[in-house]
Amino acid sequence: MLELSFTPFPQLTTPRLLLRQQTVADKHDLFYLRSHPGIMHFIPRPLHQNLDDTLQFIEMLNTGIANRELIHWVITLAQQPERVIGCIGFVRMKKEHYRSEVGYLLHDGYRGQGIMQEALQAVLHYGFNTMGLHSVEAVIDPANTASAAVLEKGGFTREGYFREDFFYNGKFYDTAFYSLLAREHRP
């Protein structure tokens, strides 16, 4: 079984990005991301209604990190580390299987620039080489073609398509499952 420790918290860097732990100071940027219907369109979670929702979200993430149940980074530009433009992390860990689910979202003003692909590669490198993951999965709405493209460009394989298997907010949704094995990862 995976034995994990996120102390000290691992900051990840790429040529353009700094991925770091979320703090209370990020509440306004995170509120924008988690309350924006366009950004959250394919993420079946309630929109944040106020800053209290976002502060509870930050606390939940940081508690999960402290308990080694998940790891979650905010994405910032290296030159502007105080401004959050997205999030990425291993959100559901299956430690006994050396597997985790990756999840992410990006500010609408930064799409189409390869930022998520860059962040995903940094997180995958950390997951496979530092955490010791054997595989990473991603579960997306099949209508989210941009997310599918990020995953496929990152080397993921679509393993399954489940029709109307997810019920949220009064509606059934299809889901597509992707995975990447450590031996397949090509940074």
Protein backbone atom coordinates (compact mmCIF):
# COMPACT_ATOMS: atom_id res chain seq x y z
CA MET A 1 0.00 0.00 0.00
CA LEU A 2 1.18 3.52 -0.73
CA GLU A 3 2.71 5.33 2.25
CA LEU A 4 2.40 9.04 1.58
CA SER A 5 3.59 12.23 3.22
CA PHE A 6 2.95 15.72 1.92
CA THR A 7 5.00 17.48 4.61
CA PRO A 8 6.56 19.73 3.61
CA PHE A 9 4.08 20.42 0.85
CA PRO A 10 5.67 19.75 -2.56
CA GLN A 11 5.68 22.79 -4.80
CA LEU A 12 6.02 21.89 -8.47
CA THR A 13 7.54 24.11 -11.13
CA THR A 14 7.52 24.13 -14.90
CA PRO A 15 8.99 26.71 -17.29
CA ARG A 16 5.82 28.84 -16.96
CA LEU A 17 4.05 27.61 -13.84
CA LEU A 18 4.26 27.25 -10.10
CA LEU A 19 1.93 24.70 -8.51
CA ARG A 20 1.55 25.28 -4.78
CA GLN A 21 -0.79 24.60 -1.87
CA GLN A 22 -3.96 26.68 -1.61
CA THR A 23 -4.25 29.16 1.24
CA VAL A 24 -6.99 31.40 2.62
CA ALA A 25 -5.38 34.26 0.67
CA ASP A 26 -6.51 32.47 -2.54
CA LYS A 27 -10.18 32.63 -1.61
CA HIS A 28 -11.21 35.25 -4.19
CA ASP A 29 -9.51 33.50 -7.12
CA LEU A 30 -10.82 30.10 -6.01
CA PHE A 31 -14.30 31.53 -5.53
CA TYR A 32 -14.23 32.79 -9.13
CA LEU A 33 -13.21 29.36 -10.41
CA ARG A 34 -15.68 27.37 -8.30
CA SER A 35 -18.65 29.74 -8.80
CA HIS A 36 -18.32 30.34 -12.55
CA PRO A 37 -20.93 28.30 -14.45
CA GLY A 38 -18.77 28.14 -17.58
CA ILE A 39 -15.70 26.86 -15.75
CA MET A 40 -17.70 24.39 -13.66
CA HIS A 41 -19.95 23.30 -16.54
CA PHE A 42 -18.48 19.79 -16.76
CA ILE A 43 -17.76 19.36 -13.04
CA PRO A 44 -20.79 17.94 -11.24
CA ARG A 45 -20.37 19.84 -7.99
CA PRO A 46 -22.44 22.68 -6.56
CA LEU A 47 -21.31 26.15 -7.53
CA HIS A 48 -19.89 28.17 -4.67
CA GLN A 49 -22.45 30.75 -3.62
CA ASN A 50 -20.25 32.85 -1.34
CA LEU A 51 -16.75 33.10 0.12
CA ASP A 52 -17.75 30.87 3.03
CA ASP A 53 -18.26 28.02 0.55
CA THR A 54 -14.77 28.63 -0.77
CA LEU A 55 -13.20 28.86 2.68
CA GLN A 56 -14.81 25.52 3.58
CA PHE A 57 -13.45 24.09 0.32
CA ILE A 58 -9.92 25.28 1.14
CA GLU A 59 -10.20 23.82 4.64
CA MET A 60 -11.47 20.49 3.25
CA LEU A 61 -8.56 20.29 0.80
CA ASN A 62 -5.93 21.19 3.37
CA THR A 63 -7.39 18.70 5.86
CA GLY A 64 -7.31 16.01 3.16
CA ILE A 65 -3.67 16.84 2.46
CA ALA A 66 -2.78 16.71 6.17
CA ASN A 67 -4.53 13.34 6.45
CA ARG A 68 -2.74 12.07 3.30
CA GLU A 69 -6.09 11.39 1.60
CA LEU A 70 -5.48 13.67 -1.39
CA ILE A 71 -3.08 16.22 -2.76
CA HIS A 72 -4.25 19.37 -4.51
CA TRP A 73 -2.31 22.24 -6.04
CA VAL A 74 -3.39 25.65 -7.23
CA ILE A 75 -1.91 26.61 -10.58
CA THR A 76 -0.21 29.99 -10.82
CA LEU A 77 2.04 31.61 -13.37
CA ALA A 78 5.64 31.51 -12.14
CA GLN A 79 5.84 35.30 -12.46
CA GLN A 80 2.54 35.80 -10.56
CA PRO A 81 2.49 33.18 -7.78
CA GLU A 82 -0.17 35.07 -5.83
CA ARG A 83 -2.79 34.76 -8.63
CA VAL A 84 -4.55 31.41 -8.95
CA ILE A 85 -5.50 30.50 -12.53
CA GLY A 86 -6.47 26.88 -11.98
CA CYS A 87 -6.36 23.77 -9.81
CA ILE A 88 -5.11 20.23 -10.23
CA GLY A 89 -4.65 17.29 -7.95
CA PHE A 90 -5.01 13.66 -7.05
CA VAL A 91 -8.51 13.81 -5.64
CA ARG A 92 -9.44 10.17 -5.01
CA MET A 93 -6.64 7.92 -3.91
CA LYS A 94 -6.81 4.16 -3.93
CA LYS A 95 -3.66 3.58 -1.90
CA GLU A 96 -4.06 -0.19 -1.80
CA HIS A 97 -4.04 -0.22 -5.62
CA TYR A 98 -1.30 2.42 -6.10
CA ARG A 99 -3.82 4.40 -8.11
CA SER A 100 -5.39 7.83 -7.94
CA GLU A 101 -7.81 9.97 -9.90
CA VAL A 102 -6.56 13.26 -11.27
CA GLY A 103 -8.91 16.23 -11.49
CA TYR A 104 -8.37 19.76 -12.75
CA LEU A 105 -9.94 23.02 -13.86
CA LEU A 106 -8.62 26.19 -15.50
CA HIS A 107 -9.63 29.86 -15.56
CA ASP A 108 -11.49 30.66 -18.78
CA GLY A 109 -9.01 33.41 -19.66
CA TYR A 110 -6.08 30.95 -19.83
CA ARG A 111 -7.49 28.18 -22.01
CA GLY A 112 -5.88 27.18 -25.28
CA GLN A 113 -2.33 28.01 -24.12
CA GLY A 114 -1.15 24.53 -23.12
CA ILE A 115 -1.20 25.45 -19.43
CA MET A 116 -3.22 22.45 -18.30
CA GLN A 117 -1.05 20.07 -20.31
CA GLU A 118 2.04 21.57 -18.64
CA ALA A 119 0.50 21.33 -15.17
CA LEU A 120 -0.73 17.78 -15.81
CA GLN A 121 2.74 16.61 -16.82
CA ALA A 122 4.28 18.07 -13.65
CA VAL A 123 1.64 16.38 -11.48
CA LEU A 124 1.99 13.05 -13.28
CA HIS A 125 5.77 13.16 -12.89
CA TYR A 126 5.32 13.75 -9.16
CA GLY A 127 2.66 11.04 -8.88
CA PHE A 128 4.64 8.36 -10.66
CA ASN A 129 8.16 9.23 -9.51
CA THR A 130 7.67 10.57 -5.97
CA MET A 131 4.37 9.13 -4.75
CA GLY A 132 4.95 5.76 -6.39
CA LEU A 133 1.64 5.54 -8.22
CA HIS A 134 1.24 2.65 -10.65
CA SER A 135 -1.69 4.22 -12.50
CA VAL A 136 -3.71 7.40 -12.73
CA GLU A 137 -7.32 7.64 -13.81
CA ALA A 138 -9.47 10.52 -14.99
CA VAL A 139 -13.26 10.55 -15.09
CA ILE A 140 -14.83 13.14 -17.37
CA ASP A 141 -18.05 14.10 -19.04
CA PRO A 142 -17.63 12.80 -22.61
CA ALA A 143 -18.99 16.10 -23.92
CA ASN A 144 -15.90 17.82 -22.47
CA THR A 145 -13.81 17.45 -25.61
CA ALA A 146 -11.16 19.89 -24.34
CA SER A 147 -10.49 17.72 -21.29
CA ALA A 148 -10.43 14.58 -23.44
CA ALA A 149 -7.84 16.25 -25.68
CA VAL A 150 -5.66 17.15 -22.65
CA LEU A 151 -5.78 13.57 -21.43
CA GLU A 152 -5.13 11.99 -24.82
CA LYS A 153 -2.23 14.35 -25.53
CA GLY A 154 -0.91 13.40 -22.07
CA GLY A 155 -0.85 9.73 -23.07
CA PHE A 156 -4.06 8.57 -21.37
CA THR A 157 -6.18 5.83 -22.93
CA ARG A 158 -9.95 5.89 -22.84
CA GLU A 159 -10.89 2.67 -21.09
CA GLY A 160 -14.60 2.94 -20.75
CA TYR A 161 -17.77 4.82 -21.49
CA PHE A 162 -20.68 4.51 -19.10
CA ARG A 163 -24.10 5.69 -20.20
CA GLU A 164 -26.14 7.70 -17.70
CA ASP A 165 -24.23 6.24 -14.76
CA PHE A 166 -23.96 9.47 -12.80
CA PHE A 167 -26.93 11.33 -11.33
CA TYR A 168 -26.45 14.97 -10.39
CA ASN A 169 -28.82 17.86 -9.91
CA GLY A 170 -31.84 15.99 -11.26
CA LYS A 171 -30.17 14.68 -14.42
CA PHE A 172 -28.31 11.54 -15.51
CA TYR A 173 -24.90 11.99 -17.13
CA ASP A 174 -22.59 9.77 -19.14
CA THR A 175 -18.98 9.39 -17.99
CA ALA A 176 -15.78 8.45 -19.79
CA PHE A 177 -12.92 6.79 -17.91
CA TYR A 178 -9.30 7.33 -18.91
CA SER A 179 -6.13 5.88 -17.45
CA LEU A 180 -2.37 6.09 -17.72
CA LEU A 181 0.09 3.52 -16.37
CA ALA A 182 3.43 4.59 -14.96
CA ARG A 183 5.31 2.64 -17.66
CA GLU A 184 3.37 4.53 -20.36
CA HIS A 185 4.13 8.01 -19.03
CA ARG A 186 6.36 9.99 -21.37
CA PRO A 187 7.10 13.40 -19.83
